[in-house]
Amino acid sequence: MDLSKQELRRRMIAARQALDPAERARLSGRAQRAVLAAPEWARARTVLLYIPVRGEVDTAALAAAGRQAGKRLLLPRVERAERGLRLHRWDGTPEQLVRGAYGIPEPRPDLPQEDPRAVDLVVVPGVAFDRRGRRLGYGGGYYDRLLPQLAGAAAIGLGYGFQLVERLPAEAHDVPLDALATDLGLTRFPASADPSP
């Protein structure tokens, strides 16, 4: 990849935010349907979602489907002092959200916390993804620190088709995703992908 991480972040975020609301909704719907069709979704009892910001793919259909299927839904809450994420139960409604760190909607701190090891499926946001299952986030490393704690959980990235690039720069701490769901469908990554830089 010739672009720096910073430049790639800038371009991808700009491309996401340039989508008009109707197109964003259409593409988000397709990407969410790709998750809902995945066997990992069918098997999961506990699903970690996110609330979209800065043009990210919406997760409302996943929350609604999860609620209807009786899945336990979780959302991350940023703990700035620890530079980590705490997981809280969420009923899928906006009433349980508050504006948190970085202006991101988060679950209220009084909602029950969950052990990361209880997660069966994590739906992971990202700025860019590559064909080896690596993701580029906003640079805070929150998901990089969380993913190793989710022992046994399937990790599916959620993004737009244009966010999939050939190769991202690798870091030693990168945890590859199992798949990426976009408006173009579900892309699976080889389990044998070498996570080394």
N, C-alpha and C. Protein backbone atom coordinates (compact mmCIF):
# COMPACT_ATOMS: atom_id res chain seq x y z
N MET A 1 0.85 -1.18 0.00
CA MET A 1 0.00 0.00 0.00
C MET A 1 0.89 1.23 0.00
N ASP A 2 0.66 2.14 -0.90
CA ASP A 2 1.48 3.33 -1.02
C ASP A 2 1.03 4.45 -0.10
N LEU A 3 -0.23 4.47 0.29
CA LEU A 3 -0.74 5.54 1.13
C LEU A 3 -0.35 5.31 2.59
N SER A 4 -0.09 6.40 3.30
CA SER A 4 0.14 6.27 4.74
C SER A 4 -1.19 5.93 5.41
N LYS A 5 -1.10 5.39 6.63
CA LYS A 5 -2.33 5.08 7.36
C LYS A 5 -3.18 6.33 7.52
N GLN A 6 -2.53 7.43 7.82
CA GLN A 6 -3.25 8.69 8.05
C GLN A 6 -4.00 9.13 6.78
N GLU A 7 -3.34 9.05 5.65
CA GLU A 7 -3.96 9.45 4.39
C GLU A 7 -5.09 8.49 4.01
N LEU A 8 -4.88 7.20 4.23
CA LEU A 8 -5.93 6.23 3.93
C LEU A 8 -7.14 6.47 4.82
N ARG A 9 -6.91 6.74 6.11
CA ARG A 9 -8.03 7.07 7.01
C ARG A 9 -8.79 8.27 6.48
N ARG A 10 -8.07 9.31 6.13
CA ARG A 10 -8.71 10.54 5.66
C ARG A 10 -9.58 10.26 4.43
N ARG A 11 -9.04 9.54 3.47
CA ARG A 11 -9.77 9.25 2.23
C ARG A 11 -11.00 8.37 2.46
N MET A 12 -10.83 7.34 3.26
CA MET A 12 -11.95 6.42 3.51
C MET A 12 -13.07 7.09 4.29
N ILE A 13 -12.71 7.86 5.30
CA ILE A 13 -13.74 8.56 6.08
C ILE A 13 -14.47 9.56 5.20
N ALA A 14 -13.72 10.27 4.35
CA ALA A 14 -14.35 11.23 3.43
C ALA A 14 -15.30 10.52 2.47
N ALA A 15 -14.89 9.35 1.97
CA ALA A 15 -15.75 8.60 1.04
C ALA A 15 -17.02 8.13 1.74
N ARG A 16 -16.89 7.67 2.98
CA ARG A 16 -18.09 7.25 3.73
C ARG A 16 -19.03 8.42 3.95
N GLN A 17 -18.47 9.54 4.36
CA GLN A 17 -19.31 10.69 4.68
C GLN A 17 -19.90 11.34 3.43
N ALA A 18 -19.31 11.06 2.27
CA ALA A 18 -19.83 11.62 1.02
C ALA A 18 -21.07 10.88 0.52
N LEU A 19 -21.33 9.70 1.06
CA LEU A 19 -22.52 8.96 0.64
C LEU A 19 -23.77 9.72 1.06
N ASP A 20 -24.73 9.85 0.15
CA ASP A 20 -25.98 10.51 0.57
C ASP A 20 -26.75 9.54 1.46
N PRO A 21 -27.64 10.06 2.30
CA PRO A 21 -28.32 9.20 3.28
C PRO A 21 -29.04 8.00 2.67
N ALA A 22 -29.67 8.18 1.51
CA ALA A 22 -30.39 7.07 0.89
C ALA A 22 -29.42 5.97 0.44
N GLU A 23 -28.31 6.37 -0.14
CA GLU A 23 -27.31 5.39 -0.59
C GLU A 23 -26.67 4.70 0.61
N ARG A 24 -26.37 5.46 1.66
CA ARG A 24 -25.79 4.88 2.88
C ARG A 24 -26.75 3.83 3.45
N ALA A 25 -28.05 4.15 3.49
CA ALA A 25 -29.04 3.21 4.01
C ALA A 25 -29.12 1.96 3.15
N ARG A 26 -29.09 2.13 1.83
CA ARG A 26 -29.16 0.99 0.92
C ARG A 26 -27.95 0.08 1.09
N LEU A 27 -26.76 0.66 1.10
CA LEU A 27 -25.53 -0.13 1.23
C LEU A 27 -25.44 -0.77 2.62
N SER A 28 -25.85 -0.03 3.65
CA SER A 28 -25.85 -0.57 5.01
C SER A 28 -26.78 -1.77 5.11
N GLY A 29 -27.94 -1.66 4.48
CA GLY A 29 -28.89 -2.78 4.49
C GLY A 29 -28.29 -4.03 3.88
N ARG A 30 -27.62 -3.87 2.75
CA ARG A 30 -26.99 -5.02 2.10
C ARG A 30 -25.91 -5.64 2.99
N ALA A 31 -25.08 -4.79 3.57
CA ALA A 31 -23.99 -5.29 4.42
C ALA A 31 -24.55 -6.03 5.64
N GLN A 32 -25.59 -5.48 6.24
CA GLN A 32 -26.19 -6.14 7.40
C GLN A 32 -26.83 -7.48 7.02
N ARG A 33 -27.44 -7.54 5.84
CA ARG A 33 -28.02 -8.81 5.39
C ARG A 33 -26.93 -9.87 5.21
N ALA A 34 -25.73 -9.44 4.81
CA ALA A 34 -24.62 -10.39 4.67
C ALA A 34 -24.24 -10.98 6.04
N VAL A 35 -24.29 -10.16 7.09
CA VAL A 35 -24.03 -10.68 8.44
C VAL A 35 -25.14 -11.64 8.85
N LEU A 36 -26.38 -11.23 8.62
CA LEU A 36 -27.53 -12.05 9.04
C LEU A 36 -27.56 -13.41 8.34
N ALA A 37 -26.98 -13.50 7.15
CA ALA A 37 -26.94 -14.76 6.41
C ALA A 37 -25.76 -15.65 6.81
N ALA A 38 -24.84 -15.12 7.59
CA ALA A 38 -23.64 -15.88 7.98
C ALA A 38 -23.98 -16.91 9.06
N PRO A 39 -23.39 -18.10 8.99
CA PRO A 39 -23.64 -19.10 10.02
C PRO A 39 -23.21 -18.64 11.41
N GLU A 40 -22.23 -17.76 11.48
CA GLU A 40 -21.78 -17.24 12.78
C GLU A 40 -22.91 -16.49 13.48
N TRP A 41 -23.73 -15.79 12.70
CA TRP A 41 -24.88 -15.08 13.28
C TRP A 41 -25.89 -16.08 13.83
N ALA A 42 -26.19 -17.10 13.05
CA ALA A 42 -27.18 -18.09 13.48
C ALA A 42 -26.75 -18.79 14.76
N ARG A 43 -25.46 -19.08 14.89
CA ARG A 43 -24.95 -19.80 16.07
C ARG A 43 -24.81 -18.92 17.30
N ALA A 44 -24.62 -17.63 17.10
CA ALA A 44 -24.28 -16.73 18.22
C ALA A 44 -25.45 -16.53 19.17
N ARG A 45 -25.15 -16.61 20.44
CA ARG A 45 -26.13 -16.27 21.48
C ARG A 45 -25.86 -14.86 22.01
N THR A 46 -24.57 -14.48 22.05
CA THR A 46 -24.18 -13.16 22.54
C THR A 46 -23.42 -12.45 21.43
N VAL A 47 -23.92 -11.27 21.04
CA VAL A 47 -23.36 -10.53 19.91
C VAL A 47 -22.94 -9.14 20.37
N LEU A 48 -21.70 -8.79 20.07
CA LEU A 48 -21.17 -7.45 20.35
C LEU A 48 -21.32 -6.61 19.08
N LEU A 49 -22.10 -5.55 19.18
CA LEU A 49 -22.32 -4.63 18.06
C LEU A 49 -21.61 -3.31 18.33
N TYR A 50 -21.84 -2.32 17.50
CA TYR A 50 -21.35 -0.97 17.71
C TYR A 50 -22.42 -0.01 17.23
N ILE A 51 -22.33 1.23 17.69
CA ILE A 51 -23.21 2.29 17.20
C ILE A 51 -22.42 3.08 16.16
N PRO A 52 -22.93 3.22 14.93
CA PRO A 52 -22.16 3.85 13.87
C PRO A 52 -21.94 5.35 14.07
N VAL A 53 -20.75 5.80 13.69
CA VAL A 53 -20.40 7.21 13.68
C VAL A 53 -19.62 7.50 12.40
N ARG A 54 -19.58 8.76 12.02
CA ARG A 54 -18.76 9.21 10.89
C ARG A 54 -18.99 8.40 9.62
N GLY A 55 -20.26 8.10 9.34
CA GLY A 55 -20.60 7.42 8.10
C GLY A 55 -20.41 5.92 8.10
N GLU A 56 -20.14 5.30 9.27
CA GLU A 56 -19.97 3.85 9.33
C GLU A 56 -21.27 3.15 8.93
N VAL A 57 -21.14 1.89 8.55
CA VAL A 57 -22.32 1.08 8.22
C VAL A 57 -23.21 0.99 9.45
N ASP A 58 -24.50 1.17 9.23
CA ASP A 58 -25.49 1.12 10.30
C ASP A 58 -25.59 -0.31 10.85
N THR A 59 -26.00 -0.42 12.11
CA THR A 59 -26.19 -1.73 12.74
C THR A 59 -27.61 -1.92 13.27
N ALA A 60 -28.52 -1.00 12.94
CA ALA A 60 -29.89 -1.05 13.48
C ALA A 60 -30.61 -2.34 13.11
N ALA A 61 -30.45 -2.81 11.88
CA ALA A 61 -31.12 -4.05 11.47
C ALA A 61 -30.56 -5.25 12.22
N LEU A 62 -29.27 -5.22 12.53
CA LEU A 62 -28.67 -6.31 13.31
C LEU A 62 -29.22 -6.30 14.73
N ALA A 63 -29.34 -5.11 15.31
CA ALA A 63 -29.88 -5.00 16.67
C ALA A 63 -31.33 -5.50 16.71
N ALA A 64 -32.12 -5.09 15.71
CA ALA A 64 -33.53 -5.51 15.67
C ALA A 64 -33.64 -7.02 15.49
N ALA A 65 -32.85 -7.58 14.58
CA ALA A 65 -32.89 -9.03 14.34
C ALA A 65 -32.40 -9.79 15.57
N GLY A 66 -31.39 -9.26 16.22
CA GLY A 66 -30.87 -9.91 17.42
C GLY A 66 -31.89 -9.92 18.54
N ARG A 67 -32.55 -8.79 18.72
CA ARG A 67 -33.60 -8.71 19.74
C ARG A 67 -34.71 -9.70 19.46
N GLN A 68 -35.15 -9.72 18.20
CA GLN A 68 -36.25 -10.60 17.81
C GLN A 68 -35.87 -12.08 18.01
N ALA A 69 -34.60 -12.41 17.79
CA ALA A 69 -34.14 -13.79 17.93
C ALA A 69 -33.77 -14.15 19.37
N GLY A 70 -33.86 -13.19 20.27
CA GLY A 70 -33.54 -13.47 21.67
C GLY A 70 -32.05 -13.52 21.97
N LYS A 71 -31.25 -12.91 21.10
CA LYS A 71 -29.80 -12.87 21.35
C LYS A 71 -29.49 -11.83 22.42
N ARG A 72 -28.43 -12.05 23.16
CA ARG A 72 -27.96 -11.06 24.12
C ARG A 72 -27.09 -10.07 23.35
N LEU A 73 -27.48 -8.81 23.34
CA LEU A 73 -26.75 -7.77 22.62
C LEU A 73 -25.85 -7.02 23.58
N LEU A 74 -24.65 -6.72 23.12
CA LEU A 74 -23.69 -5.95 23.90
C LEU A 74 -23.20 -4.78 23.07
N LEU A 75 -22.78 -3.73 23.77
CA LEU A 75 -22.12 -2.59 23.14
C LEU A 75 -20.86 -2.28 23.94
N PRO A 76 -19.84 -1.73 23.26
CA PRO A 76 -18.63 -1.33 23.98
C PRO A 76 -18.79 0.06 24.59
N ARG A 77 -18.11 0.25 25.71
CA ARG A 77 -18.03 1.55 26.37
C ARG A 77 -16.56 1.87 26.56
N VAL A 78 -16.13 3.03 26.07
CA VAL A 78 -14.72 3.42 26.15
C VAL A 78 -14.36 3.77 27.59
N GLU A 79 -13.27 3.18 28.05
CA GLU A 79 -12.67 3.52 29.35
C GLU A 79 -11.35 4.20 29.04
N ARG A 80 -11.37 5.53 28.99
CA ARG A 80 -10.19 6.28 28.57
C ARG A 80 -8.98 6.02 29.45
N ALA A 81 -9.18 6.00 30.78
CA ALA A 81 -8.06 5.83 31.69
C ALA A 81 -7.35 4.50 31.45
N GLU A 82 -8.12 3.47 31.14
CA GLU A 82 -7.56 2.14 30.89
C GLU A 82 -7.20 1.93 29.42
N ARG A 83 -7.61 2.86 28.57
CA ARG A 83 -7.44 2.73 27.12
C ARG A 83 -8.01 1.40 26.63
N GLY A 84 -9.21 1.10 27.15
CA GLY A 84 -9.85 -0.16 26.79
C GLY A 84 -11.34 0.01 26.61
N LEU A 85 -12.00 -1.10 26.33
CA LEU A 85 -13.44 -1.13 26.14
C LEU A 85 -14.06 -2.06 27.17
N ARG A 86 -15.13 -1.60 27.79
CA ARG A 86 -15.94 -2.45 28.67
C ARG A 86 -17.21 -2.79 27.90
N LEU A 87 -17.69 -3.99 28.09
CA LEU A 87 -18.86 -4.45 27.37
C LEU A 87 -20.07 -4.43 28.28
N HIS A 88 -21.16 -3.83 27.79
CA HIS A 88 -22.39 -3.72 28.56
C HIS A 88 -23.55 -4.31 27.77
N ARG A 89 -24.50 -4.89 28.49
CA ARG A 89 -25.72 -5.37 27.85
C ARG A 89 -26.49 -4.17 27.31
N TRP A 90 -27.22 -4.43 26.24
CA TRP A 90 -27.99 -3.38 25.58
C TRP A 90 -29.26 -3.99 25.04
N ASP A 91 -30.37 -3.33 25.25
CA ASP A 91 -31.65 -3.87 24.76
C ASP A 91 -31.97 -3.46 23.33
N GLY A 92 -31.05 -2.75 22.69
CA GLY A 92 -31.25 -2.35 21.30
C GLY A 92 -31.99 -1.04 21.12
N THR A 93 -32.28 -0.34 22.22
CA THR A 93 -33.02 0.91 22.12
C THR A 93 -32.13 2.11 22.39
N PRO A 94 -32.46 3.27 21.79
CA PRO A 94 -31.66 4.48 22.02
C PRO A 94 -31.75 5.00 23.45
N GLU A 95 -32.79 4.61 24.18
CA GLU A 95 -32.96 5.09 25.56
C GLU A 95 -31.83 4.61 26.47
N GLN A 96 -31.15 3.55 26.08
CA GLN A 96 -30.06 3.02 26.91
C GLN A 96 -28.70 3.58 26.50
N LEU A 97 -28.69 4.58 25.63
CA LEU A 97 -27.44 5.16 25.15
C LEU A 97 -27.21 6.54 25.74
N VAL A 98 -25.94 6.87 25.95
CA VAL A 98 -25.52 8.21 26.35
C VAL A 98 -24.33 8.60 25.48
N ARG A 99 -24.07 9.90 25.39
CA ARG A 99 -22.90 10.35 24.64
C ARG A 99 -21.67 10.07 25.49
N GLY A 100 -20.74 9.30 24.93
CA GLY A 100 -19.57 8.88 25.68
C GLY A 100 -18.30 9.54 25.19
N ALA A 101 -17.20 8.88 25.46
CA ALA A 101 -15.89 9.37 25.04
C ALA A 101 -15.87 9.58 23.53
N TYR A 102 -15.19 10.60 23.10
CA TYR A 102 -15.05 10.93 21.68
C TYR A 102 -16.38 11.26 21.02
N GLY A 103 -17.42 11.51 21.82
CA GLY A 103 -18.73 11.84 21.27
C GLY A 103 -19.50 10.66 20.71
N ILE A 104 -19.02 9.45 20.97
CA ILE A 104 -19.65 8.24 20.44
C ILE A 104 -20.79 7.80 21.36
N PRO A 105 -21.96 7.50 20.81
CA PRO A 105 -23.03 6.95 21.66
C PRO A 105 -22.58 5.61 22.26
N GLU A 106 -22.77 5.49 23.56
CA GLU A 106 -22.35 4.29 24.29
C GLU A 106 -23.46 3.84 25.23
N PRO A 107 -23.37 2.60 25.73
CA PRO A 107 -24.36 2.16 26.71
C PRO A 107 -24.18 2.93 28.02
N ARG A 108 -25.27 3.15 28.71
CA ARG A 108 -25.19 3.80 30.02
C ARG A 108 -24.28 2.99 30.94
N PRO A 109 -23.52 3.65 31.79
CA PRO A 109 -22.59 2.92 32.66
C PRO A 109 -23.29 2.05 33.71
N ASP A 110 -24.57 2.30 33.98
CA ASP A 110 -25.28 1.50 34.98
C ASP A 110 -25.82 0.18 34.41
N LEU A 111 -25.72 -0.02 33.10
CA LEU A 111 -26.18 -1.27 32.51
C LEU A 111 -25.22 -2.40 32.87
N PRO A 112 -25.73 -3.64 32.99
CA PRO A 112 -24.87 -4.76 33.40
C PRO A 112 -23.67 -4.94 32.47
N GLN A 113 -22.51 -5.18 33.07
CA GLN A 113 -21.30 -5.48 32.30
C GLN A 113 -21.25 -6.96 31.99
N GLU A 114 -20.58 -7.29 30.90
CA GLU A 114 -20.41 -8.68 30.49
C GLU A 114 -18.92 -8.99 30.34
N ASP A 115 -18.58 -10.22 30.63
CA ASP A 115 -17.22 -10.71 30.44
C ASP A 115 -16.99 -10.85 28.93
N PRO A 116 -15.86 -10.36 28.41
CA PRO A 116 -15.59 -10.50 26.98
C PRO A 116 -15.62 -11.95 26.50
N ARG A 117 -15.31 -12.89 27.38
CA ARG A 117 -15.30 -14.30 26.98
C ARG A 117 -16.70 -14.84 26.70
N ALA A 118 -17.74 -14.09 27.05
CA ALA A 118 -19.12 -14.51 26.78
C ALA A 118 -19.54 -14.23 25.34
N VAL A 119 -18.76 -13.43 24.62
CA VAL A 119 -19.12 -13.01 23.26
C VAL A 119 -18.92 -14.17 22.28
N ASP A 120 -19.95 -14.44 21.48
CA ASP A 120 -19.87 -15.46 20.43
C ASP A 120 -19.52 -14.84 19.07
N LEU A 121 -20.00 -13.62 18.85
CA LEU A 121 -19.78 -12.92 17.58
C LEU A 121 -19.56 -11.45 17.87
N VAL A 122 -18.49 -10.90 17.31
CA VAL A 122 -18.25 -9.46 17.40
C VAL A 122 -18.33 -8.89 15.99
N VAL A 123 -19.14 -7.86 15.83
CA VAL A 123 -19.26 -7.14 14.56
C VAL A 123 -18.37 -5.91 14.72
N VAL A 124 -17.33 -5.85 13.88
CA VAL A 124 -16.24 -4.89 14.08
C VAL A 124 -16.29 -3.77 13.05
N PRO A 125 -16.32 -2.51 13.53
CA PRO A 125 -16.23 -1.39 12.59
C PRO A 125 -14.79 -1.21 12.14
N GLY A 126 -14.60 -0.44 11.10
CA GLY A 126 -13.25 -0.14 10.65
C GLY A 126 -13.27 0.96 9.61
N VAL A 127 -12.11 1.54 9.40
CA VAL A 127 -11.95 2.56 8.37
C VAL A 127 -11.59 1.90 7.05
N ALA A 128 -10.78 0.84 7.12
CA ALA A 128 -10.41 0.06 5.94
C ALA A 128 -10.11 -1.37 6.38
N PHE A 129 -10.20 -2.29 5.42
CA PHE A 129 -9.96 -3.71 5.68
C PHE A 129 -9.13 -4.23 4.51
N ASP A 130 -8.33 -5.29 4.75
CA ASP A 130 -7.60 -5.85 3.61
C ASP A 130 -7.96 -7.32 3.41
N ARG A 131 -7.44 -7.89 2.34
CA ARG A 131 -7.81 -9.25 1.94
C ARG A 131 -7.21 -10.34 2.81
N ARG A 132 -6.42 -9.94 3.81
CA ARG A 132 -5.88 -10.92 4.76
C ARG A 132 -6.59 -10.82 6.11
N GLY A 133 -7.64 -10.02 6.16
CA GLY A 133 -8.42 -9.93 7.39
C GLY A 133 -7.97 -8.85 8.36
N ARG A 134 -7.05 -8.03 7.94
CA ARG A 134 -6.60 -6.94 8.81
C ARG A 134 -7.54 -5.76 8.66
N ARG A 135 -7.59 -4.95 9.73
CA ARG A 135 -8.43 -3.75 9.71
C ARG A 135 -7.61 -2.55 10.13
N LEU A 136 -8.05 -1.42 9.64
CA LEU A 136 -7.48 -0.14 10.04
C LEU A 136 -8.60 0.62 10.74
N GLY A 137 -8.36 0.98 12.00
CA GLY A 137 -9.34 1.74 12.76
C GLY A 137 -8.96 3.22 12.78
N TYR A 138 -9.42 3.90 13.80
CA TYR A 138 -9.16 5.33 13.92
C TYR A 138 -7.80 5.63 14.54
N GLY A 139 -7.11 4.61 15.03
CA GLY A 139 -5.77 4.81 15.56
C GLY A 139 -5.65 4.73 17.07
N GLY A 140 -6.77 4.54 17.77
CA GLY A 140 -6.72 4.45 19.23
C GLY A 140 -6.35 3.07 19.75
N GLY A 141 -6.46 2.04 18.92
CA GLY A 141 -6.09 0.69 19.33
C GLY A 141 -7.09 -0.02 20.22
N TYR A 142 -8.30 0.54 20.36
CA TYR A 142 -9.27 -0.06 21.28
C TYR A 142 -9.68 -1.47 20.87
N TYR A 143 -10.01 -1.66 19.61
CA TYR A 143 -10.37 -3.01 19.16
C TYR A 143 -9.15 -3.92 19.10
N ASP A 144 -7.98 -3.37 18.82
CA ASP A 144 -6.76 -4.18 18.84
C ASP A 144 -6.54 -4.79 20.22
N ARG A 145 -6.88 -4.05 21.26
CA ARG A 145 -6.74 -4.57 22.63
C ARG A 145 -7.91 -5.48 23.02
N LEU A 146 -9.09 -5.23 22.46
CA LEU A 146 -10.27 -6.03 22.82
C LEU A 146 -10.28 -7.40 22.15
N LEU A 147 -9.99 -7.47 20.87
CA LEU A 147 -10.14 -8.72 20.13
C LEU A 147 -9.42 -9.91 20.76
N PRO A 148 -8.20 -9.77 21.27
CA PRO A 148 -7.56 -10.94 21.91
C PRO A 148 -8.29 -11.44 23.16
N GLN A 149 -9.11 -10.60 23.77
CA GLN A 149 -9.86 -11.01 24.97
C GLN A 149 -11.11 -11.82 24.62
N LEU A 150 -11.51 -11.80 23.36
CA LEU A 150 -12.75 -12.46 22.94
C LEU A 150 -12.47 -13.89 22.50
N ALA A 151 -11.98 -14.68 23.42
CA ALA A 151 -11.56 -16.06 23.12
C ALA A 151 -12.70 -16.85 22.48
N GLY A 152 -12.46 -17.34 21.28
CA GLY A 152 -13.44 -18.18 20.61
C GLY A 152 -14.53 -17.44 19.86
N ALA A 153 -14.59 -16.13 19.96
CA ALA A 153 -15.63 -15.38 19.25
C ALA A 153 -15.27 -15.24 17.78
N ALA A 154 -16.28 -15.33 16.93
CA ALA A 154 -16.09 -15.02 15.52
C ALA A 154 -16.04 -13.51 15.37
N ALA A 155 -15.17 -13.01 14.52
CA ALA A 155 -15.03 -11.56 14.30
C ALA A 155 -15.33 -11.25 12.84
N ILE A 156 -16.42 -10.51 12.63
CA ILE A 156 -16.81 -10.11 11.27
C ILE A 156 -16.76 -8.60 11.18
N GLY A 157 -15.92 -8.10 10.28
CA GLY A 157 -15.87 -6.67 10.01
C GLY A 157 -17.12 -6.25 9.26
N LEU A 158 -17.51 -4.99 9.42
CA LEU A 158 -18.70 -4.47 8.74
C LEU A 158 -18.31 -3.16 8.07
N GLY A 159 -18.44 -3.11 6.76
CA GLY A 159 -18.05 -1.91 6.04
C GLY A 159 -18.69 -1.86 4.66
N TYR A 160 -18.27 -0.88 3.89
CA TYR A 160 -18.72 -0.73 2.51
C TYR A 160 -17.71 -1.43 1.60
N GLY A 161 -18.15 -1.86 0.43
CA GLY A 161 -17.27 -2.55 -0.49
C GLY A 161 -16.01 -1.76 -0.81
N PHE A 162 -16.11 -0.45 -0.91
CA PHE A 162 -14.94 0.35 -1.26
C PHE A 162 -13.90 0.41 -0.14
N GLN A 163 -14.24 -0.05 1.05
CA GLN A 163 -13.29 -0.04 2.17
C GLN A 163 -12.34 -1.24 2.14
N LEU A 164 -12.59 -2.21 1.27
CA LEU A 164 -11.72 -3.38 1.15
C LEU A 164 -10.58 -3.04 0.20
N VAL A 165 -9.36 -3.07 0.73
CA VAL A 165 -8.16 -2.78 -0.06
C VAL A 165 -7.32 -4.05 -0.14
N GLU A 166 -6.36 -4.04 -1.04
CA GLU A 166 -5.53 -5.24 -1.23
C GLU A 166 -4.70 -5.56 0.00
N ARG A 167 -4.02 -4.55 0.55
CA ARG A 167 -3.12 -4.83 1.67
C ARG A 167 -2.95 -3.60 2.54
N LEU A 168 -3.03 -3.82 3.85
CA LEU A 168 -2.77 -2.76 4.83
C LEU A 168 -1.44 -3.03 5.50
N PRO A 169 -0.79 -1.99 6.00
CA PRO A 169 0.44 -2.23 6.76
C PRO A 169 0.10 -3.04 8.01
N ALA A 170 0.94 -3.99 8.35
CA ALA A 170 0.67 -4.88 9.48
C ALA A 170 1.44 -4.42 10.71
N GLU A 171 0.83 -4.68 11.85
CA GLU A 171 1.46 -4.43 13.15
C GLU A 171 1.50 -5.77 13.88
N ALA A 172 2.45 -5.92 14.79
CA ALA A 172 2.60 -7.18 15.52
C ALA A 172 1.35 -7.53 16.32
N HIS A 173 0.61 -6.51 16.80
CA HIS A 173 -0.56 -6.75 17.64
C HIS A 173 -1.85 -6.99 16.84
N ASP A 174 -1.80 -6.93 15.52
CA ASP A 174 -3.00 -7.11 14.70
C ASP A 174 -3.62 -8.49 14.91
N VAL A 175 -4.93 -8.51 15.08
CA VAL A 175 -5.69 -9.76 15.16
C VAL A 175 -6.57 -9.80 13.92
N PRO A 176 -6.32 -10.75 13.00
CA PRO A 176 -7.11 -10.78 11.77
C PRO A 176 -8.57 -11.16 12.04
N LEU A 177 -9.44 -10.59 11.22
CA LEU A 177 -10.87 -10.91 11.29
C LEU A 177 -11.13 -12.22 10.56
N ASP A 178 -12.27 -12.82 10.86
CA ASP A 178 -12.67 -14.05 10.17
C ASP A 178 -13.31 -13.75 8.82
N ALA A 179 -14.00 -12.61 8.74
CA ALA A 179 -14.72 -12.26 7.51
C ALA A 179 -15.02 -10.77 7.51
N LEU A 180 -15.45 -10.29 6.36
CA LEU A 180 -15.88 -8.90 6.20
C LEU A 180 -17.22 -8.91 5.47
N ALA A 181 -18.22 -8.27 6.07
CA ALA A 181 -19.53 -8.13 5.44
C ALA A 181 -19.64 -6.72 4.86
N THR A 182 -19.93 -6.65 3.57
CA THR A 182 -20.12 -5.36 2.90
C THR A 182 -21.37 -5.44 2.03
N ASP A 183 -21.64 -4.36 1.35
CA ASP A 183 -22.75 -4.33 0.40
C ASP A 183 -22.53 -5.29 -0.76
N LEU A 184 -21.30 -5.78 -0.93
CA LEU A 184 -20.99 -6.73 -2.00
C LEU A 184 -21.10 -8.18 -1.54
N GLY A 185 -21.39 -8.40 -0.25
CA GLY A 185 -21.52 -9.75 0.28
C GLY A 185 -20.52 -10.01 1.39
N LEU A 186 -20.32 -11.29 1.69
CA LEU A 186 -19.43 -11.71 2.77
C LEU A 186 -18.13 -12.21 2.17
N THR A 187 -17.03 -11.63 2.58
CA THR A 187 -15.70 -12.06 2.16
C THR A 187 -15.06 -12.78 3.33
N ARG A 188 -14.72 -14.05 3.13
CA ARG A 188 -14.05 -14.82 4.18
C ARG A 188 -12.55 -14.70 4.00
N PHE A 189 -11.86 -14.70 5.13
CA PHE A 189 -10.41 -14.61 5.10
C PHE A 189 -9.82 -15.96 5.47
N PRO A 190 -8.71 -16.33 4.84
CA PRO A 190 -8.12 -17.64 5.13
C PRO A 190 -7.67 -17.72 6.58
N ALA A 191 -8.03 -18.84 7.24
CA ALA A 191 -7.64 -19.03 8.64
C ALA A 191 -6.13 -19.11 8.77
N SER A 192 -5.47 -19.48 7.71
CA SER A 192 -4.02 -19.63 7.76
C SER A 192 -3.29 -18.33 7.41
N ALA A 193 -4.04 -17.23 7.25
CA ALA A 193 -3.39 -15.96 6.90
C ALA A 193 -2.33 -15.64 7.95
N ASP A 194 -1.17 -15.32 7.49
CA ASP A 194 -0.05 -15.01 8.38
C ASP A 194 -0.27 -13.64 8.99
N PRO A 195 -0.49 -13.55 10.32
CA PRO A 195 -0.74 -12.26 10.94
C PRO A 195 0.51 -11.44 11.18
N SER A 196 1.68 -11.98 10.84
CA SER A 196 2.91 -11.23 11.08
C SER A 196 3.05 -10.10 10.08
N PRO A 197 3.81 -9.07 10.44
CA PRO A 197 3.99 -7.91 9.54
C PRO A 197 4.60 -8.28 8.21
